[in-house]
Amino acid sequence: MIELDGNAIGGELYDVFGMDVTGVMGVCTWCGARAPVAEVVVYMRGPGTVARCRTCHELHIVLVTIHDVTCVDMRGIAALEME
């Protein structure tokens, strides 16, 4: 699969949050690493889009669009830190 960075899901996240969150610092639930959302590793070739931590490779974000509704699972992000 082709690895992309978090900028690849910037538009979808903008639609969900109403703002650009690619520059927001995310804290990984699994390893505690802090990095901008733009630095996650993104895979877009499944039934949904998956974003993983660049440090430990655990799931951060899963995006699935069904009938024009985007469902977001962010259990892999312990916090989003707005600076």
PDB file of N, CA and C in Angstrom:
ATOM      1  N   MET A   1       0.834  -1.188   0.000  1.00  0.00           N
ATOM      2  CA  MET A   1       0.000   0.000   0.000  1.00  0.00           C
ATOM      3  C   MET A   1       0.874   1.246   0.000  1.00  0.00           C
ATOM      4  N   ILE A   2       0.348   2.274  -0.572  1.00  0.00           N
ATOM      5  CA  ILE A   2       1.059   3.548  -0.633  1.00  0.00           C
ATOM      6  C   ILE A   2       0.841   4.303   0.676  1.00  0.00           C
ATOM      7  N   GLU A   3       1.945   4.744   1.273  1.00  0.00           N
ATOM      8  CA  GLU A   3       1.873   5.536   2.495  1.00  0.00           C
ATOM      9  C   GLU A   3       1.819   7.016   2.130  1.00  0.00           C
ATOM     10  N   LEU A   4       0.868   7.709   2.716  1.00  0.00           N
ATOM     11  CA  LEU A   4       0.753   9.157   2.562  1.00  0.00           C
ATOM     12  C   LEU A   4       0.909   9.785   3.935  1.00  0.00           C
ATOM     13  N   ASP A   5       0.970  11.116   3.984  1.00  0.00           N
ATOM     14  CA  ASP A   5       1.003  11.758   5.288  1.00  0.00           C
ATOM     15  C   ASP A   5      -0.381  12.327   5.607  1.00  0.00           C
ATOM     16  N   GLY A   6      -0.517  12.904   6.786  1.00  0.00           N
ATOM     17  CA  GLY A   6      -1.806  13.398   7.266  1.00  0.00           C
ATOM     18  C   GLY A   6      -2.433  14.482   6.414  1.00  0.00           C
ATOM     19  N   ASN A   7      -1.642  15.137   5.570  1.00  0.00           N
ATOM     20  CA  ASN A   7      -2.212  16.149   4.682  1.00  0.00           C
ATOM     21  C   ASN A   7      -3.211  15.533   3.702  1.00  0.00           C
ATOM     22  N   ALA A   8      -3.059  14.228   3.436  1.00  0.00           N
ATOM     23  CA  ALA A   8      -3.961  13.539   2.506  1.00  0.00           C
ATOM     24  C   ALA A   8      -5.395  13.489   3.030  1.00  0.00           C
ATOM     25  N   ILE A   9      -5.573  13.570   4.351  1.00  0.00           N
ATOM     26  CA  ILE A   9      -6.923  13.544   4.933  1.00  0.00           C
ATOM     27  C   ILE A   9      -7.337  14.907   5.482  1.00  0.00           C
ATOM     28  N   GLY A  10      -6.533  15.924   5.179  1.00  0.00           N
ATOM     29  CA  GLY A  10      -6.821  17.268   5.667  1.00  0.00           C
ATOM     30  C   GLY A  10      -8.197  17.769   5.272  1.00  0.00           C
ATOM     31  N   GLY A  11      -8.613  17.519   4.032  1.00  0.00           N
ATOM     32  CA  GLY A  11      -9.926  17.968   3.558  1.00  0.00           C
ATOM     33  C   GLY A  11     -11.063  17.276   4.289  1.00  0.00           C
ATOM     34  N   GLU A  12     -10.939  15.949   4.472  1.00  0.00           N
ATOM     35  CA  GLU A  12     -11.976  15.208   5.198  1.00  0.00           C
ATOM     36  C   GLU A  12     -12.064  15.666   6.648  1.00  0.00           C
ATOM     37  N   LEU A  13     -10.899  15.883   7.279  1.00  0.00           N
ATOM     38  CA  LEU A  13     -10.901  16.349   8.667  1.00  0.00           C
ATOM     39  C   LEU A  13     -11.467  17.764   8.772  1.00  0.00           C
ATOM     40  N   TYR A  14     -11.204  18.591   7.760  1.00  0.00           N
ATOM     41  CA  TYR A  14     -11.778  19.935   7.734  1.00  0.00           C
ATOM     42  C   TYR A  14     -13.310  19.850   7.679  1.00  0.00           C
ATOM     43  N   ASP A  15     -13.822  18.942   6.857  1.00  0.00           N
ATOM     44  CA  ASP A  15     -15.278  18.771   6.767  1.00  0.00           C
ATOM     45  C   ASP A  15     -15.879  18.339   8.100  1.00  0.00           C
ATOM     46  N   VAL A  16     -15.158  17.524   8.857  1.00  0.00           N
ATOM     47  CA  VAL A  16     -15.649  17.027  10.148  1.00  0.00           C
ATOM     48  C   VAL A  16     -15.530  18.087  11.239  1.00  0.00           C
ATOM     49  N   PHE A  17     -14.355  18.734  11.345  1.00  0.00           N
ATOM     50  CA  PHE A  17     -14.084  19.666  12.441  1.00  0.00           C
ATOM     51  C   PHE A  17     -14.366  21.125  12.118  1.00  0.00           C
ATOM     52  N   GLY A  18     -14.514  21.459  10.844  1.00  0.00           N
ATOM     53  CA  GLY A  18     -14.763  22.843  10.468  1.00  0.00           C
ATOM     54  C   GLY A  18     -13.536  23.727  10.543  1.00  0.00           C
ATOM     55  N   MET A  19     -12.372  23.122  10.619  1.00  0.00           N
ATOM     56  CA  MET A  19     -11.106  23.862  10.653  1.00  0.00           C
ATOM     57  C   MET A  19      -9.989  22.930  10.197  1.00  0.00           C
ATOM     58  N   ASP A  20      -8.868  23.525   9.845  1.00  0.00           N
ATOM     59  CA  ASP A  20      -7.702  22.737   9.444  1.00  0.00           C
ATOM     60  C   ASP A  20      -7.024  22.203  10.705  1.00  0.00           C
ATOM     61  N   VAL A  21      -7.027  20.887  10.886  1.00  0.00           N
ATOM     62  CA  VAL A  21      -6.409  20.291  12.074  1.00  0.00           C
ATOM     63  C   VAL A  21      -5.067  19.623  11.761  1.00  0.00           C
ATOM     64  N   THR A  22      -4.574  19.755  10.529  1.00  0.00           N
ATOM     65  CA  THR A  22      -3.316  19.096  10.187  1.00  0.00           C
ATOM     66  C   THR A  22      -2.130  19.662  10.977  1.00  0.00           C
ATOM     67  N   GLY A  23      -2.232  20.894  11.427  1.00  0.00           N
ATOM     68  CA  GLY A  23      -1.159  21.497  12.220  1.00  0.00           C
ATOM     69  C   GLY A  23      -1.332  21.325  13.716  1.00  0.00           C
ATOM     70  N   VAL A  24      -2.431  20.729  14.136  1.00  0.00           N
ATOM     71  CA  VAL A  24      -2.706  20.519  15.561  1.00  0.00           C
ATOM     72  C   VAL A  24      -1.864  19.346  16.057  1.00  0.00           C
ATOM     73  N   MET A  25      -1.311  19.475  17.261  1.00  0.00           N
ATOM     74  CA  MET A  25      -0.509  18.406  17.846  1.00  0.00           C
ATOM     75  C   MET A  25      -1.419  17.312  18.379  1.00  0.00           C
ATOM     76  N   GLY A  26      -1.148  16.076  17.972  1.00  0.00           N
ATOM     77  CA  GLY A  26      -1.878  14.927  18.477  1.00  0.00           C
ATOM     78  C   GLY A  26      -0.990  14.121  19.405  1.00  0.00           C
ATOM     79  N   VAL A  27      -1.593  13.534  20.439  1.00  0.00           N
ATOM     80  CA  VAL A  27      -0.854  12.693  21.378  1.00  0.00           C
ATOM     81  C   VAL A  27      -1.341  11.256  21.195  1.00  0.00           C
ATOM     82  N   CYS A  28      -0.423  10.352  20.914  1.00  0.00           N
ATOM     83  CA  CYS A  28      -0.772   8.955  20.672  1.00  0.00           C
ATOM     84  C   CYS A  28      -1.226   8.287  21.972  1.00  0.00           C
ATOM     85  N   THR A  29      -2.375   7.632  21.918  1.00  0.00           N
ATOM     86  CA  THR A  29      -2.894   6.895  23.067  1.00  0.00           C
ATOM     87  C   THR A  29      -1.958   5.764  23.457  1.00  0.00           C
ATOM     88  N   TRP A  30      -1.303   5.154  22.484  1.00  0.00           N
ATOM     89  CA  TRP A  30      -0.528   3.932  22.720  1.00  0.00           C
ATOM     90  C   TRP A  30       0.884   4.190  23.209  1.00  0.00           C
ATOM     91  N   CYS A  31       1.597   5.132  22.600  1.00  0.00           N
ATOM     92  CA  CYS A  31       3.006   5.339  22.974  1.00  0.00           C
ATOM     93  C   CYS A  31       3.284   6.722  23.557  1.00  0.00           C
ATOM     94  N   GLY A  32       2.321   7.627  23.480  1.00  0.00           N
ATOM     95  CA  GLY A  32       2.497   8.967  24.042  1.00  0.00           C
ATOM     96  C   GLY A  32       3.236   9.943  23.142  1.00  0.00           C
ATOM     97  N   ALA A  33       3.600   9.533  21.947  1.00  0.00           N
ATOM     98  CA  ALA A  33       4.321  10.426  21.030  1.00  0.00           C
ATOM     99  C   ALA A  33       3.443  11.631  20.676  1.00  0.00           C
ATOM    100  N   ARG A  34       4.078  12.809  20.582  1.00  0.00           N
ATOM    101  CA  ARG A  34       3.400  14.044  20.182  1.00  0.00           C
ATOM    102  C   ARG A  34       3.887  14.419  18.794  1.00  0.00           C
ATOM    103  N   ALA A  35       2.940  14.682  17.894  1.00  0.00           N
ATOM    104  CA  ALA A  35       3.303  15.090  16.536  1.00  0.00           C
ATOM    105  C   ALA A  35       2.098  15.762  15.900  1.00  0.00           C
ATOM    106  N   PRO A  36       2.327  16.658  14.936  1.00  0.00           N
ATOM    107  CA  PRO A  36       1.204  17.251  14.214  1.00  0.00           C
ATOM    108  C   PRO A  36       0.411  16.165  13.481  1.00  0.00           C
ATOM    109  N   VAL A  37      -0.872  16.369  13.363  1.00  0.00           N
ATOM    110  CA  VAL A  37      -1.737  15.428  12.641  1.00  0.00           C
ATOM    111  C   VAL A  37      -1.208  15.214  11.222  1.00  0.00           C
ATOM    112  N   ALA A  38      -0.588  16.211  10.641  1.00  0.00           N
ATOM    113  CA  ALA A  38      -0.038  16.096   9.283  1.00  0.00           C
ATOM    114  C   ALA A  38       1.042  15.021   9.180  1.00  0.00           C
ATOM    115  N   GLU A  39       1.612  14.580  10.308  1.00  0.00           N
ATOM    116  CA  GLU A  39       2.701  13.600  10.270  1.00  0.00           C
ATOM    117  C   GLU A  39       2.255  12.152  10.453  1.00  0.00           C
ATOM    118  N   VAL A  40       0.949  11.904  10.628  1.00  0.00           N
ATOM    119  CA  VAL A  40       0.508  10.509  10.733  1.00  0.00           C
ATOM    120  C   VAL A  40       0.744   9.813   9.396  1.00  0.00           C
ATOM    121  N   VAL A  41       0.780   8.487   9.415  1.00  0.00           N
ATOM    122  CA  VAL A  41       0.925   7.698   8.190  1.00  0.00           C
ATOM    123  C   VAL A  41      -0.474   7.288   7.754  1.00  0.00           C
ATOM    124  N   VAL A  42      -0.849   7.633   6.524  1.00  0.00           N
ATOM    125  CA  VAL A  42      -2.214   7.416   6.031  1.00  0.00           C
ATOM    126  C   VAL A  42      -2.237   6.370   4.926  1.00  0.00           C
ATOM    127  N   TYR A  43      -3.216   5.478   5.025  1.00  0.00           N
ATOM    128  CA  TYR A  43      -3.479   4.468   3.991  1.00  0.00           C
ATOM    129  C   TYR A  43      -4.911   4.668   3.534  1.00  0.00           C
ATOM    130  N   MET A  44      -5.120   4.820   2.227  1.00  0.00           N
ATOM    131  CA  MET A  44      -6.445   5.156   1.706  1.00  0.00           C
ATOM    132  C   MET A  44      -7.042   4.078   0.809  1.00  0.00           C
ATOM    133  N   ARG A  45      -6.502   2.874   0.759  1.00  0.00           N
ATOM    134  CA  ARG A  45      -6.953   1.877  -0.195  1.00  0.00           C
ATOM    135  C   ARG A  45      -7.925   0.870   0.376  1.00  0.00           C
ATOM    136  N   GLY A  46      -8.571   1.082   1.446  1.00  0.00           N
ATOM    137  CA  GLY A  46      -9.529   0.126   1.989  1.00  0.00           C
ATOM    138  C   GLY A  46     -10.932   0.678   1.899  1.00  0.00           C
ATOM    139  N   PRO A  47     -11.846   0.034   2.578  1.00  0.00           N
ATOM    140  CA  PRO A  47     -13.209   0.562   2.604  1.00  0.00           C
ATOM    141  C   PRO A  47     -13.278   1.878   3.375  1.00  0.00           C
ATOM    142  N   GLY A  48     -12.219   2.171   4.126  1.00  0.00           N
ATOM    143  CA  GLY A  48     -12.115   3.433   4.856  1.00  0.00           C
ATOM    144  C   GLY A  48     -10.683   3.918   4.771  1.00  0.00           C
ATOM    145  N   THR A  49     -10.420   5.039   5.391  1.00  0.00           N
ATOM    146  CA  THR A  49      -9.079   5.604   5.430  1.00  0.00           C
ATOM    147  C   THR A  49      -8.525   5.400   6.827  1.00  0.00           C
ATOM    148  N   VAL A  50      -7.278   4.953   6.920  1.00  0.00           N
ATOM    149  CA  VAL A  50      -6.648   4.656   8.194  1.00  0.00           C
ATOM    150  C   VAL A  50      -5.432   5.553   8.367  1.00  0.00           C
ATOM    151  N   ALA A  51      -5.305   6.154   9.557  1.00  0.00           N
ATOM    152  CA  ALA A  51      -4.128   6.944   9.902  1.00  0.00           C
ATOM    153  C   ALA A  51      -3.454   6.282  11.101  1.00  0.00           C
ATOM    154  N   ARG A  52      -2.150   6.083  11.001  1.00  0.00           N
ATOM    155  CA  ARG A  52      -1.392   5.409  12.061  1.00  0.00           C
ATOM    156  C   ARG A  52      -0.299   6.311  12.605  1.00  0.00           C
ATOM    157  N   CYS A  53       0.074   6.049  13.849  1.00  0.00           N
ATOM    158  CA  CYS A  53       1.170   6.773  14.500  1.00  0.00           C
ATOM    159  C   CYS A  53       2.469   6.480  13.757  1.00  0.00           C
ATOM    160  N   ARG A  54       3.232   7.511  13.470  1.00  0.00           N
ATOM    161  CA  ARG A  54       4.508   7.337  12.768  1.00  0.00           C
ATOM    162  C   ARG A  54       5.538   6.672  13.682  1.00  0.00           C
ATOM    163  N   THR A  55       5.361   6.757  14.998  1.00  0.00           N
ATOM    164  CA  THR A  55       6.324   6.188  15.941  1.00  0.00           C
ATOM    165  C   THR A  55       6.062   4.714  16.235  1.00  0.00           C
ATOM    166  N   CYS A  56       4.826   4.366  16.656  1.00  0.00           N
ATOM    167  CA  CYS A  56       4.527   2.984  17.060  1.00  0.00           C
ATOM    168  C   CYS A  56       3.644   2.236  16.064  1.00  0.00           C
ATOM    169  N   HIS A  57       3.130   2.921  15.059  1.00  0.00           N
ATOM    170  CA  HIS A  57       2.316   2.342  13.980  1.00  0.00           C
ATOM    171  C   HIS A  57       0.937   1.852  14.419  1.00  0.00           C
ATOM    172  N   GLU A  58       0.492   2.229  15.617  1.00  0.00           N
ATOM    173  CA  GLU A  58      -0.860   1.887  16.063  1.00  0.00           C
ATOM    174  C   GLU A  58      -1.867   2.836  15.407  1.00  0.00           C
ATOM    175  N   LEU A  59      -3.130   2.424  15.386  1.00  0.00           N
ATOM    176  CA  LEU A  59      -4.190   3.247  14.787  1.00  0.00           C
ATOM    177  C   LEU A  59      -4.386   4.552  15.529  1.00  0.00           C
ATOM    178  N   HIS A  60      -4.507   5.630  14.778  1.00  0.00           N
ATOM    179  CA  HIS A  60      -4.873   6.931  15.331  1.00  0.00           C
ATOM    180  C   HIS A  60      -6.291   7.290  14.924  1.00  0.00           C
ATOM    181  N   ILE A  61      -6.543   7.268  13.618  1.00  0.00           N
ATOM    182  CA  ILE A  61      -7.822   7.738  13.081  1.00  0.00           C
ATOM    183  C   ILE A  61      -8.311   6.754  12.017  1.00  0.00           C
ATOM    184  N   VAL A  62      -9.615   6.477  12.040  1.00  0.00           N
ATOM    185  CA  VAL A  62     -10.251   5.722  10.968  1.00  0.00           C
ATOM    186  C   VAL A  62     -11.405   6.578  10.456  1.00  0.00           C
ATOM    187  N   LEU A  63     -11.439   6.823   9.160  1.00  0.00           N
ATOM    188  CA  LEU A  63     -12.505   7.599   8.520  1.00  0.00           C
ATOM    189  C   LEU A  63     -13.244   6.709   7.533  1.00  0.00           C
ATOM    190  N   VAL A  64     -14.555   6.645   7.676  1.00  0.00           N
ATOM    191  CA  VAL A  64     -15.382   5.874   6.751  1.00  0.00           C
ATOM    192  C   VAL A  64     -16.560   6.751   6.350  1.00  0.00           C
ATOM    193  N   THR A  65     -16.801   6.881   5.051  1.00  0.00           N
ATOM    194  CA  THR A  65     -17.938   7.661   4.564  1.00  0.00           C
ATOM    195  C   THR A  65     -19.000   6.717   4.035  1.00  0.00           C
ATOM    196  N   ILE A  66     -20.206   6.838   4.603  1.00  0.00           N
ATOM    197  CA  ILE A  66     -21.335   5.998   4.219  1.00  0.00           C
ATOM    198  C   ILE A  66     -22.515   6.920   3.921  1.00  0.00           C
ATOM    199  N   HIS A  67     -23.033   6.848   2.702  1.00  0.00           N
ATOM    200  CA  HIS A  67     -24.176   7.687   2.289  1.00  0.00           C
ATOM    201  C   HIS A  67     -23.935   9.158   2.615  1.00  0.00           C
ATOM    202  N   ASP A  68     -22.756   9.670   2.238  1.00  0.00           N
ATOM    203  CA  ASP A  68     -22.376  11.071   2.432  1.00  0.00           C
ATOM    204  C   ASP A  68     -22.232  11.489   3.889  1.00  0.00           C
ATOM    205  N   VAL A  69     -22.156  10.538   4.810  1.00  0.00           N
ATOM    206  CA  VAL A  69     -21.903  10.826   6.224  1.00  0.00           C
ATOM    207  C   VAL A  69     -20.540  10.235   6.572  1.00  0.00           C
ATOM    208  N   THR A  70     -19.642  11.068   7.100  1.00  0.00           N
ATOM    209  CA  THR A  70     -18.313  10.592   7.474  1.00  0.00           C
ATOM    210  C   THR A  70     -18.303  10.233   8.950  1.00  0.00           C
ATOM    211  N   CYS A  71     -17.954   8.983   9.221  1.00  0.00           N
ATOM    212  CA  CYS A  71     -17.817   8.491  10.597  1.00  0.00           C
ATOM    213  C   CYS A  71     -16.334   8.515  10.942  1.00  0.00           C
ATOM    214  N   VAL A  72     -16.010   9.029  12.126  1.00  0.00           N
ATOM    215  CA  VAL A  72     -14.620   9.185  12.535  1.00  0.00           C
ATOM    216  C   VAL A  72     -14.393   8.448  13.847  1.00  0.00           C
ATOM    217  N   ASP A  73     -13.393   7.583  13.872  1.00  0.00           N
ATOM    218  CA  ASP A  73     -12.972   6.898  15.095  1.00  0.00           C
ATOM    219  C   ASP A  73     -11.582   7.419  15.412  1.00  0.00           C
ATOM    220  N   MET A  74     -11.449   8.109  16.544  1.00  0.00           N
ATOM    221  CA  MET A  74     -10.164   8.703  16.925  1.00  0.00           C
ATOM    222  C   MET A  74      -9.654   8.139  18.244  1.00  0.00           C
ATOM    223  N   ARG A  75      -9.966   6.891  18.539  1.00  0.00           N
ATOM    224  CA  ARG A  75      -9.575   6.338  19.830  1.00  0.00           C
ATOM    225  C   ARG A  75      -8.063   6.237  19.999  1.00  0.00           C
ATOM    226  N   GLY A  76      -7.313   6.336  18.931  1.00  0.00           N
ATOM    227  CA  GLY A  76      -5.859   6.264  19.020  1.00  0.00           C
ATOM    228  C   GLY A  76      -5.201   7.595  19.337  1.00  0.00           C
ATOM    229  N   ILE A  77      -5.998   8.657  19.455  1.00  0.00           N
ATOM    230  CA  ILE A  77      -5.466   9.967  19.813  1.00  0.00           C
ATOM    231  C   ILE A  77      -5.965  10.319  21.213  1.00  0.00           C
ATOM    232  N   ALA A  78      -5.039  10.402  22.154  1.00  0.00           N
ATOM    233  CA  ALA A  78      -5.386  10.703  23.533  1.00  0.00           C
ATOM    234  C   ALA A  78      -5.794  12.166  23.702  1.00  0.00           C
ATOM    235  N   ALA A  79      -5.177  13.043  22.907  1.00  0.00           N
ATOM    236  CA  ALA A  79      -5.477  14.474  23.008  1.00  0.00           C
ATOM    237  C   ALA A  79      -5.089  15.180  21.716  1.00  0.00           C
ATOM    238  N   LEU A  80      -5.821  16.238  21.420  1.00  0.00           N
ATOM    239  CA  LEU A  80      -5.443  17.159  20.353  1.00  0.00           C
ATOM    240  C   LEU A  80      -5.105  18.467  21.039  1.00  0.00           C
ATOM    241  N   GLU A  81      -3.886  18.937  20.869  1.00  0.00           N
ATOM    242  CA  GLU A  81      -3.418  20.144  21.561  1.00  0.00           C
ATOM    243  C   GLU A  81      -3.361  21.310  20.599  1.00  0.00           C
ATOM    244  N   MET A  82      -4.264  22.257  20.788  1.00  0.00           N
ATOM    245  CA  MET A  82      -4.286  23.469  19.968  1.00  0.00           C
ATOM    246  C   MET A  82      -3.261  24.440  20.531  1.00  0.00           C
ATOM    247  N   GLU A  83      -2.358  24.915  19.686  1.00  0.00           N
ATOM    248  CA  GLU A  83      -1.331  25.838  20.172  1.00  0.00           C
ATOM    249  C   GLU A  83      -1.600  27.223  19.717  1.00  0.00           C
TER     250      GLU A  83
END
